[in-house]
């Protein structure tokens, strides 16, 4: 498993992850983005690409203010996975991803 690079589009509240060549046929079922509690005042997010139970790559955010982000969708293109977020507070995604 490798650490995935994350490109941030702060203006559109999106995270873009490049797909590794070994999983070119990745679908929405093969990616996950989970926000979980880090402590009483912070959350953290984990993005994973997986195929047939094998995790090919992941990316862990830095802890961010609890409730500041919510996932609003995931798109998978031929070269990347795009995580769309809704900001519940005025944070800069570059500070955490």
PDB file of N, CA and C in Angstrom:
ATOM      1  N   UNK A   1       0.853  -1.171   0.000  1.00  0.00           N
ATOM      2  CA  UNK A   1       0.000   0.000   0.000  1.00  0.00           C
ATOM      3  C   UNK A   1       0.897   1.231   0.000  1.00  0.00           C
ATOM      4  N   UNK A   2       0.485   2.224  -0.755  1.00  0.00           N
ATOM      5  CA  UNK A   2       1.287   3.445  -0.837  1.00  0.00           C
ATOM      6  C   UNK A   2       0.477   4.653  -0.379  1.00  0.00           C
ATOM      7  N   UNK A   3       1.206   5.690  -0.011  1.00  0.00           N
ATOM      8  CA  UNK A   3       0.582   6.958   0.361  1.00  0.00           C
ATOM      9  C   UNK A   3       0.205   7.679  -0.930  1.00  0.00           C
ATOM     10  N   UNK A   4      -1.052   8.062  -1.065  1.00  0.00           N
ATOM     11  CA  UNK A   4      -1.527   8.750  -2.257  1.00  0.00           C
ATOM     12  C   UNK A   4      -1.301  10.251  -2.137  1.00  0.00           C
ATOM     13  N   UNK A   5      -0.961  10.872  -3.254  1.00  0.00           N
ATOM     14  CA  UNK A   5      -0.830  12.325  -3.289  1.00  0.00           C
ATOM     15  C   UNK A   5      -2.204  12.953  -3.418  1.00  0.00           C
ATOM     16  N   UNK A   6      -2.392  14.040  -2.731  1.00  0.00           N
ATOM     17  CA  UNK A   6      -3.666  14.742  -2.727  1.00  0.00           C
ATOM     18  C   UNK A   6      -3.458  16.158  -3.243  1.00  0.00           C
ATOM     19  N   UNK A   7      -4.167  16.507  -4.311  1.00  0.00           N
ATOM     20  CA  UNK A   7      -4.183  17.885  -4.798  1.00  0.00           C
ATOM     21  C   UNK A   7      -5.451  18.534  -4.265  1.00  0.00           C
ATOM     22  N   UNK A   8      -5.331  19.746  -3.758  1.00  0.00           N
ATOM     23  CA  UNK A   8      -6.457  20.441  -3.139  1.00  0.00           C
ATOM     24  C   UNK A   8      -6.958  21.550  -4.058  1.00  0.00           C
ATOM     25  N   UNK A   9      -8.264  21.564  -4.288  1.00  0.00           N
ATOM     26  CA  UNK A   9      -8.923  22.681  -4.969  1.00  0.00           C
ATOM     27  C   UNK A   9      -9.787  23.353  -3.910  1.00  0.00           C
ATOM     28  N   UNK A  10      -9.187  24.277  -3.183  1.00  0.00           N
ATOM     29  CA  UNK A  10      -9.848  24.905  -2.041  1.00  0.00           C
ATOM     30  C   UNK A  10     -11.071  25.719  -2.467  1.00  0.00           C
ATOM     31  N   UNK A  11     -10.980  26.391  -3.606  1.00  0.00           N
ATOM     32  CA  UNK A  11     -12.082  27.240  -4.070  1.00  0.00           C
ATOM     33  C   UNK A  11     -13.345  26.432  -4.347  1.00  0.00           C
ATOM     34  N   UNK A  12     -13.180  25.192  -4.843  1.00  0.00           N
ATOM     35  CA  UNK A  12     -14.340  24.346  -5.150  1.00  0.00           C
ATOM     36  C   UNK A  12     -14.557  23.252  -4.105  1.00  0.00           C
ATOM     37  N   UNK A  13     -13.811  23.308  -3.008  1.00  0.00           N
ATOM     38  CA  UNK A  13     -13.926  22.336  -1.903  1.00  0.00           C
ATOM     39  C   UNK A  13     -13.799  20.901  -2.409  1.00  0.00           C
ATOM     40  N   UNK A  14     -12.692  20.638  -3.133  1.00  0.00           N
ATOM     41  CA  UNK A  14     -12.465  19.309  -3.692  1.00  0.00           C
ATOM     42  C   UNK A  14     -11.053  18.825  -3.389  1.00  0.00           C
ATOM     43  N   UNK A  15     -10.937  17.502  -3.259  1.00  0.00           N
ATOM     44  CA  UNK A  15      -9.655  16.824  -3.129  1.00  0.00           C
ATOM     45  C   UNK A  15      -9.506  15.926  -4.346  1.00  0.00           C
ATOM     46  N   UNK A  16      -8.341  15.943  -4.997  1.00  0.00           N
ATOM     47  CA  UNK A  16      -8.122  15.153  -6.199  1.00  0.00           C
ATOM     48  C   UNK A  16      -6.970  14.188  -5.946  1.00  0.00           C
ATOM     49  N   UNK A  17      -7.253  12.899  -6.148  1.00  0.00           N
ATOM     50  CA  UNK A  17      -6.263  11.841  -5.965  1.00  0.00           C
ATOM     51  C   UNK A  17      -6.010  11.170  -7.309  1.00  0.00           C
ATOM     52  N   UNK A  18      -4.734  11.078  -7.707  1.00  0.00           N
ATOM     53  CA  UNK A  18      -4.367  10.415  -8.951  1.00  0.00           C
ATOM     54  C   UNK A  18      -4.499   8.906  -8.776  1.00  0.00           C
ATOM     55  N   UNK A  19      -5.035   8.239  -9.803  1.00  0.00           N
ATOM     56  CA  UNK A  19      -5.192   6.786  -9.748  1.00  0.00           C
ATOM     57  C   UNK A  19      -3.882   6.103 -10.134  1.00  0.00           C
ATOM     58  N   UNK A  20      -3.430   5.125  -9.345  1.00  0.00           N
ATOM     59  CA  UNK A  20      -2.239   4.365  -9.724  1.00  0.00           C
ATOM     60  C   UNK A  20      -2.516   3.543 -10.987  1.00  0.00           C
ATOM     61  N   UNK A  21      -1.505   3.340 -11.848  1.00  0.00           N
ATOM     62  CA  UNK A  21      -1.710   2.592 -13.095  1.00  0.00           C
ATOM     63  C   UNK A  21      -2.230   1.170 -12.877  1.00  0.00           C
ATOM     64  N   UNK A  22      -1.865   0.547 -11.762  1.00  0.00           N
ATOM     65  CA  UNK A  22      -2.274  -0.842 -11.537  1.00  0.00           C
ATOM     66  C   UNK A  22      -3.770  -1.005 -11.263  1.00  0.00           C
ATOM     67  N   UNK A  23      -4.463   0.095 -11.027  1.00  0.00           N
ATOM     68  CA  UNK A  23      -5.918   0.000 -10.840  1.00  0.00           C
ATOM     69  C   UNK A  23      -6.623   1.000 -11.754  1.00  0.00           C
ATOM     70  N   UNK A  24      -6.314   0.912 -13.031  1.00  0.00           N
ATOM     71  CA  UNK A  24      -6.871   1.843 -14.014  1.00  0.00           C
ATOM     72  C   UNK A  24      -8.389   1.727 -14.122  1.00  0.00           C
ATOM     73  N   UNK A  25      -8.944   0.572 -13.857  1.00  0.00           N
ATOM     74  CA  UNK A  25     -10.384   0.365 -14.006  1.00  0.00           C
ATOM     75  C   UNK A  25     -11.138   0.568 -12.699  1.00  0.00           C
ATOM     76  N   UNK A  26     -10.667   1.453 -11.889  1.00  0.00           N
ATOM     77  CA  UNK A  26     -11.279   1.760 -10.602  1.00  0.00           C
ATOM     78  C   UNK A  26     -12.676   2.351 -10.791  1.00  0.00           C
ATOM     79  N   UNK A  27     -13.616   1.948  -9.927  1.00  0.00           N
ATOM     80  CA  UNK A  27     -14.973   2.498  -9.947  1.00  0.00           C
ATOM     81  C   UNK A  27     -15.271   3.147  -8.594  1.00  0.00           C
ATOM     82  N   UNK A  28     -16.431   3.773  -8.479  1.00  0.00           N
ATOM     83  CA  UNK A  28     -16.819   4.411  -7.216  1.00  0.00           C
ATOM     84  C   UNK A  28     -16.877   3.411  -6.066  1.00  0.00           C
ATOM     85  N   UNK A  29     -17.207   2.161  -6.358  1.00  0.00           N
ATOM     86  CA  UNK A  29     -17.255   1.124  -5.314  1.00  0.00           C
ATOM     87  C   UNK A  29     -15.875   0.831  -4.738  1.00  0.00           C
ATOM     88  N   UNK A  30     -14.834   1.207  -5.467  1.00  0.00           N
ATOM     89  CA  UNK A  30     -13.466   0.869  -5.077  1.00  0.00           C
ATOM     90  C   UNK A  30     -12.752   1.983  -4.319  1.00  0.00           C
ATOM     91  N   UNK A  31     -13.464   3.032  -3.970  1.00  0.00           N
ATOM     92  CA  UNK A  31     -12.864   4.122  -3.202  1.00  0.00           C
ATOM     93  C   UNK A  31     -13.712   4.412  -1.969  1.00  0.00           C
ATOM     94  N   UNK A  32     -13.048   4.883  -0.936  1.00  0.00           N
ATOM     95  CA  UNK A  32     -13.784   5.266   0.272  1.00  0.00           C
ATOM     96  C   UNK A  32     -13.153   6.520   0.863  1.00  0.00           C
ATOM     97  N   UNK A  33     -14.000   7.346   1.443  1.00  0.00           N
ATOM     98  CA  UNK A  33     -13.571   8.555   2.131  1.00  0.00           C
ATOM     99  C   UNK A  33     -14.379   8.611   3.411  1.00  0.00           C
ATOM    100  N   UNK A  34     -13.701   8.458   4.527  1.00  0.00           N
ATOM    101  CA  UNK A  34     -14.386   8.400   5.812  1.00  0.00           C
ATOM    102  C   UNK A  34     -13.878   9.488   6.743  1.00  0.00           C
ATOM    103  N   UNK A  35     -14.812  10.184   7.345  1.00  0.00           N
ATOM    104  CA  UNK A  35     -14.487  11.178   8.366  1.00  0.00           C
ATOM    105  C   UNK A  35     -14.825  10.559   9.711  1.00  0.00           C
ATOM    106  N   UNK A  36     -13.855  10.559  10.609  1.00  0.00           N
ATOM    107  CA  UNK A  36     -14.064   9.961  11.928  1.00  0.00           C
ATOM    108  C   UNK A  36     -13.534  10.898  13.012  1.00  0.00           C
ATOM    109  N   UNK A  37     -13.934  10.623  14.222  1.00  0.00           N
ATOM    110  CA  UNK A  37     -13.527  11.450  15.357  1.00  0.00           C
ATOM    111  C   UNK A  37     -12.063  11.188  15.697  1.00  0.00           C
ATOM    112  N   UNK A  38     -11.287  12.253  15.816  1.00  0.00           N
ATOM    113  CA  UNK A  38      -9.885  12.161  16.222  1.00  0.00           C
ATOM    114  C   UNK A  38      -9.774  12.342  17.735  1.00  0.00           C
ATOM    115  N   UNK A  39     -10.486  13.327  18.252  1.00  0.00           N
ATOM    116  CA  UNK A  39     -10.605  13.553  19.697  1.00  0.00           C
ATOM    117  C   UNK A  39     -11.880  14.363  19.922  1.00  0.00           C
ATOM    118  N   UNK A  40     -12.071  14.899  21.099  1.00  0.00           N
ATOM    119  CA  UNK A  40     -13.339  15.571  21.406  1.00  0.00           C
ATOM    120  C   UNK A  40     -13.573  16.857  20.618  1.00  0.00           C
ATOM    121  N   UNK A  41     -12.521  17.437  20.049  1.00  0.00           N
ATOM    122  CA  UNK A  41     -12.701  18.691  19.317  1.00  0.00           C
ATOM    123  C   UNK A  41     -12.241  18.628  17.859  1.00  0.00           C
ATOM    124  N   UNK A  42     -11.782  17.441  17.412  1.00  0.00           N
ATOM    125  CA  UNK A  42     -11.257  17.328  16.053  1.00  0.00           C
ATOM    126  C   UNK A  42     -11.722  16.039  15.378  1.00  0.00           C
ATOM    127  N   UNK A  43     -11.821  16.109  14.049  1.00  0.00           N
ATOM    128  CA  UNK A  43     -12.072  14.949  13.199  1.00  0.00           C
ATOM    129  C   UNK A  43     -10.844  14.730  12.329  1.00  0.00           C
ATOM    130  N   UNK A  44     -10.800  13.573  11.663  1.00  0.00           N
ATOM    131  CA  UNK A  44      -9.782  13.305  10.657  1.00  0.00           C
ATOM    132  C   UNK A  44     -10.446  12.535   9.525  1.00  0.00           C
ATOM    133  N   UNK A  45      -9.835  12.566   8.354  1.00  0.00           N
ATOM    134  CA  UNK A  45     -10.398  11.896   7.190  1.00  0.00           C
ATOM    135  C   UNK A  45      -9.386  10.921   6.614  1.00  0.00           C
ATOM    136  N   UNK A  46      -9.901   9.793   6.112  1.00  0.00           N
ATOM    137  CA  UNK A  46      -9.071   8.786   5.466  1.00  0.00           C
ATOM    138  C   UNK A  46      -9.659   8.470   4.098  1.00  0.00           C
ATOM    139  N   UNK A  47      -8.826   8.564   3.059  1.00  0.00           N
ATOM    140  CA  UNK A  47      -9.212   8.196   1.700  1.00  0.00           C
ATOM    141  C   UNK A  47      -8.478   6.913   1.347  1.00  0.00           C
ATOM    142  N   UNK A  48      -9.186   5.940   0.740  1.00  0.00           N
ATOM    143  CA  UNK A  48      -8.548   4.690   0.319  1.00  0.00           C
ATOM    144  C   UNK A  48      -9.027   4.284  -1.067  1.00  0.00           C
ATOM    145  N   UNK A  49      -8.097   3.705  -1.837  1.00  0.00           N
ATOM    146  CA  UNK A  49      -8.413   3.049  -3.107  1.00  0.00           C
ATOM    147  C   UNK A  49      -8.162   1.566  -2.898  1.00  0.00           C
ATOM    148  N   UNK A  50      -9.151   0.744  -3.250  1.00  0.00           N
ATOM    149  CA  UNK A  50      -9.012  -0.692  -3.042  1.00  0.00           C
ATOM    150  C   UNK A  50      -9.678  -1.443  -4.181  1.00  0.00           C
ATOM    151  N   UNK A  51      -9.221  -2.660  -4.416  1.00  0.00           N
ATOM    152  CA  UNK A  51      -9.783  -3.514  -5.458  1.00  0.00           C
ATOM    153  C   UNK A  51      -9.709  -4.948  -4.964  1.00  0.00           C
ATOM    154  N   UNK A  52     -10.835  -5.640  -4.986  1.00  0.00           N
ATOM    155  CA  UNK A  52     -10.912  -7.040  -4.547  1.00  0.00           C
ATOM    156  C   UNK A  52     -10.328  -7.234  -3.154  1.00  0.00           C
ATOM    157  N   UNK A  53     -10.608  -6.316  -2.254  1.00  0.00           N
ATOM    158  CA  UNK A  53     -10.159  -6.428  -0.874  1.00  0.00           C
ATOM    159  C   UNK A  53      -8.742  -5.968  -0.607  1.00  0.00           C
ATOM    160  N   UNK A  54      -7.979  -5.661  -1.650  1.00  0.00           N
ATOM    161  CA  UNK A  54      -6.596  -5.201  -1.475  1.00  0.00           C
ATOM    162  C   UNK A  54      -6.547  -3.677  -1.539  1.00  0.00           C
ATOM    163  N   UNK A  55      -5.956  -3.055  -0.525  1.00  0.00           N
ATOM    164  CA  UNK A  55      -5.812  -1.597  -0.502  1.00  0.00           C
ATOM    165  C   UNK A  55      -4.561  -1.220  -1.291  1.00  0.00           C
ATOM    166  N   UNK A  56      -4.744  -0.388  -2.324  1.00  0.00           N
ATOM    167  CA  UNK A  56      -3.630   0.035  -3.172  1.00  0.00           C
ATOM    168  C   UNK A  56      -3.008   1.338  -2.707  1.00  0.00           C
ATOM    169  N   UNK A  57      -3.768   2.142  -2.027  1.00  0.00           N
ATOM    170  CA  UNK A  57      -3.229   3.409  -1.559  1.00  0.00           C
ATOM    171  C   UNK A  57      -4.186   4.095  -0.616  1.00  0.00           C
ATOM    172  N   UNK A  58      -3.616   4.956   0.213  1.00  0.00           N
ATOM    173  CA  UNK A  58      -4.455   5.693   1.154  1.00  0.00           C
ATOM    174  C   UNK A  58      -3.835   7.056   1.441  1.00  0.00           C
ATOM    175  N   UNK A  59      -4.641   7.913   2.029  1.00  0.00           N
ATOM    176  CA  UNK A  59      -4.186   9.239   2.435  1.00  0.00           C
ATOM    177  C   UNK A  59      -4.933   9.617   3.698  1.00  0.00           C
ATOM    178  N   UNK A  60      -4.202  10.037   4.703  1.00  0.00           N
ATOM    179  CA  UNK A  60      -4.764  10.440   5.994  1.00  0.00           C
ATOM    180  C   UNK A  60      -4.605  11.947   6.141  1.00  0.00           C
ATOM    181  N   UNK A  61      -5.684  12.625   6.507  1.00  0.00           N
ATOM    182  CA  UNK A  61      -5.612  14.072   6.721  1.00  0.00           C
ATOM    183  C   UNK A  61      -4.959  14.383   8.059  1.00  0.00           C
ATOM    184  N   UNK A  62      -4.628  15.630   8.237  1.00  0.00           N
ATOM    185  CA  UNK A  62      -4.280  16.137   9.557  1.00  0.00           C
ATOM    186  C   UNK A  62      -5.603  16.375  10.290  1.00  0.00           C
ATOM    187  N   UNK A  63      -5.608  16.323  11.609  1.00  0.00           N
ATOM    188  CA  UNK A  63      -6.850  16.613  12.346  1.00  0.00           C
ATOM    189  C   UNK A  63      -7.366  18.023  12.019  1.00  0.00           C
ATOM    190  N   UNK A  64      -8.686  18.127  11.848  1.00  0.00           N
ATOM    191  CA  UNK A  64      -9.325  19.409  11.546  1.00  0.00           C
ATOM    192  C   UNK A  64     -10.485  19.627  12.514  1.00  0.00           C
ATOM    193  N   UNK A  65     -11.000  20.848  12.619  1.00  0.00           N
ATOM    194  CA  UNK A  65     -12.061  21.132  13.591  1.00  0.00           C
ATOM    195  C   UNK A  65     -13.276  20.208  13.410  1.00  0.00           C
ATOM    196  N   UNK A  66     -13.759  19.674  14.506  1.00  0.00           N
ATOM    197  CA  UNK A  66     -14.893  18.745  14.483  1.00  0.00           C
ATOM    198  C   UNK A  66     -16.084  19.378  13.774  1.00  0.00           C
ATOM    199  N   UNK A  67     -16.650  18.630  12.828  1.00  0.00           N
ATOM    200  CA  UNK A  67     -17.824  19.078  12.096  1.00  0.00           C
ATOM    201  C   UNK A  67     -17.557  20.077  10.990  1.00  0.00           C
ATOM    202  N   UNK A  68     -16.287  20.396  10.722  1.00  0.00           N
ATOM    203  CA  UNK A  68     -15.958  21.414   9.722  1.00  0.00           C
ATOM    204  C   UNK A  68     -16.189  20.936   8.292  1.00  0.00           C
ATOM    205  N   UNK A  69     -16.109  19.623   8.059  1.00  0.00           N
ATOM    206  CA  UNK A  69     -16.231  19.075   6.707  1.00  0.00           C
ATOM    207  C   UNK A  69     -17.246  17.944   6.657  1.00  0.00           C
ATOM    208  N   UNK A  70     -17.890  17.831   5.503  1.00  0.00           N
ATOM    209  CA  UNK A  70     -18.799  16.723   5.227  1.00  0.00           C
ATOM    210  C   UNK A  70     -18.594  16.335   3.770  1.00  0.00           C
ATOM    211  N   UNK A  71     -18.550  15.040   3.493  1.00  0.00           N
ATOM    212  CA  UNK A  71     -18.408  14.582   2.116  1.00  0.00           C
ATOM    213  C   UNK A  71     -19.727  14.793   1.386  1.00  0.00           C
ATOM    214  N   UNK A  72     -19.653  15.362   0.173  1.00  0.00           N
ATOM    215  CA  UNK A  72     -20.878  15.537  -0.604  1.00  0.00           C
ATOM    216  C   UNK A  72     -20.896  14.694  -1.869  1.00  0.00           C
ATOM    217  N   UNK A  73     -19.800  13.986  -2.160  1.00  0.00           N
ATOM    218  CA  UNK A  73     -19.786  13.099  -3.318  1.00  0.00           C
ATOM    219  C   UNK A  73     -18.388  12.689  -3.711  1.00  0.00           C
ATOM    220  N   UNK A  74     -18.322  11.636  -4.544  1.00  0.00           N
ATOM    221  CA  UNK A  74     -17.056  11.159  -5.104  1.00  0.00           C
ATOM    222  C   UNK A  74     -17.274  10.915  -6.588  1.00  0.00           C
ATOM    223  N   UNK A  75     -16.366  11.417  -7.421  1.00  0.00           N
ATOM    224  CA  UNK A  75     -16.364  11.144  -8.853  1.00  0.00           C
ATOM    225  C   UNK A  75     -15.082  10.398  -9.188  1.00  0.00           C
ATOM    226  N   UNK A  76     -15.186   9.425 -10.101  1.00  0.00           N
ATOM    227  CA  UNK A  76     -14.022   8.676 -10.557  1.00  0.00           C
ATOM    228  C   UNK A  76     -13.891   8.905 -12.056  1.00  0.00           C
ATOM    229  N   UNK A  77     -12.737   9.427 -12.474  1.00  0.00           N
ATOM    230  CA  UNK A  77     -12.463   9.634 -13.894  1.00  0.00           C
ATOM    231  C   UNK A  77     -11.429   8.603 -14.335  1.00  0.00           C
ATOM    232  N   UNK A  78     -10.987   8.695 -15.574  1.00  0.00           N
ATOM    233  CA  UNK A  78     -10.000   7.732 -16.069  1.00  0.00           C
ATOM    234  C   UNK A  78      -8.639   7.897 -15.400  1.00  0.00           C
ATOM    235  N   UNK A  79      -8.361   9.065 -14.812  1.00  0.00           N
ATOM    236  CA  UNK A  79      -7.043   9.299 -14.223  1.00  0.00           C
ATOM    237  C   UNK A  79      -7.059   9.694 -12.752  1.00  0.00           C
ATOM    238  N   UNK A  80      -8.244  10.010 -12.212  1.00  0.00           N
ATOM    239  CA  UNK A  80      -8.266  10.488 -10.827  1.00  0.00           C
ATOM    240  C   UNK A  80      -9.576  10.166 -10.122  1.00  0.00           C
ATOM    241  N   UNK A  81      -9.535  10.357  -8.808  1.00  0.00           N
ATOM    242  CA  UNK A  81     -10.722  10.279  -7.963  1.00  0.00           C
ATOM    243  C   UNK A  81     -10.884  11.647  -7.320  1.00  0.00           C
ATOM    244  N   UNK A  82     -12.087  12.177  -7.387  1.00  0.00           N
ATOM    245  CA  UNK A  82     -12.355  13.520  -6.878  1.00  0.00           C
ATOM    246  C   UNK A  82     -13.345  13.419  -5.731  1.00  0.00           C
ATOM    247  N   UNK A  83     -12.927  13.887  -4.561  1.00  0.00           N
ATOM    248  CA  UNK A  83     -13.791  13.908  -3.386  1.00  0.00           C
ATOM    249  C   UNK A  83     -14.335  15.325  -3.246  1.00  0.00           C
ATOM    250  N   UNK A  84     -15.665  15.435  -3.281  1.00  0.00           N
ATOM    251  CA  UNK A  84     -16.315  16.739  -3.126  1.00  0.00           C
ATOM    252  C   UNK A  84     -16.711  16.901  -1.665  1.00  0.00           C
ATOM    253  N   UNK A  85     -16.396  18.063  -1.119  1.00  0.00           N
ATOM    254  CA  UNK A  85     -16.659  18.322   0.294  1.00  0.00           C
ATOM    255  C   UNK A  85     -17.575  19.524   0.466  1.00  0.00           C
ATOM    256  N   UNK A  86     -18.259  19.535   1.584  1.00  0.00           N
ATOM    257  CA  UNK A  86     -19.021  20.711   1.999  1.00  0.00           C
ATOM    258  C   UNK A  86     -18.341  21.234   3.250  1.00  0.00           C
ATOM    259  N   UNK A  87     -17.949  22.510   3.204  1.00  0.00           N
ATOM    260  CA  UNK A  87     -17.315  23.131   4.367  1.00  0.00           C
ATOM    261  C   UNK A  87     -18.399  23.712   5.267  1.00  0.00           C
ATOM    262  N   UNK A  88     -18.396  23.321   6.529  1.00  0.00           N
ATOM    263  CA  UNK A  88     -19.332  23.867   7.504  1.00  0.00           C
ATOM    264  C   UNK A  88     -18.719  25.014   8.288  1.00  0.00           C
ATOM    265  N   UNK A  89     -17.459  25.294   8.010  1.00  0.00           N
ATOM    266  CA  UNK A  89     -16.778  26.444   8.604  1.00  0.00           C
ATOM    267  C   UNK A  89     -15.723  26.907   7.597  1.00  0.00           C
ATOM    268  N   UNK A  90     -15.294  28.148   7.688  1.00  0.00           N
ATOM    269  CA  UNK A  90     -14.350  28.688   6.698  1.00  0.00           C
ATOM    270  C   UNK A  90     -12.916  28.206   6.942  1.00  0.00           C
ATOM    271  N   UNK A  91     -12.624  26.963   6.587  1.00  0.00           N
ATOM    272  CA  UNK A  91     -11.270  26.439   6.760  1.00  0.00           C
ATOM    273  C   UNK A  91     -10.579  26.353   5.406  1.00  0.00           C
ATOM    274  N   UNK A  92      -9.255  26.316   5.435  1.00  0.00           N
ATOM    275  CA  UNK A  92      -8.445  26.143   4.234  1.00  0.00           C
ATOM    276  C   UNK A  92      -8.058  24.669   4.166  1.00  0.00           C
ATOM    277  N   UNK A  93      -8.522  23.968   3.145  1.00  0.00           N
ATOM    278  CA  UNK A  93      -8.237  22.538   3.014  1.00  0.00           C
ATOM    279  C   UNK A  93      -6.742  22.255   2.944  1.00  0.00           C
ATOM    280  N   UNK A  94      -5.960  23.203   2.414  1.00  0.00           N
ATOM    281  CA  UNK A  94      -4.509  23.015   2.322  1.00  0.00           C
ATOM    282  C   UNK A  94      -3.865  22.825   3.694  1.00  0.00           C
ATOM    283  N   UNK A  95      -4.490  23.321   4.734  1.00  0.00           N
ATOM    284  CA  UNK A  95      -3.941  23.171   6.080  1.00  0.00           C
ATOM    285  C   UNK A  95      -4.076  21.747   6.614  1.00  0.00           C
ATOM    286  N   UNK A  96      -4.947  20.952   6.015  1.00  0.00           N
ATOM    287  CA  UNK A  96      -5.260  19.639   6.574  1.00  0.00           C
ATOM    288  C   UNK A  96      -5.022  18.475   5.611  1.00  0.00           C
ATOM    289  N   UNK A  97      -4.917  18.756   4.291  1.00  0.00           N
ATOM    290  CA  UNK A  97      -4.753  17.666   3.320  1.00  0.00           C
ATOM    291  C   UNK A  97      -3.490  17.816   2.509  1.00  0.00           C
TER     292      UNK A  97
END
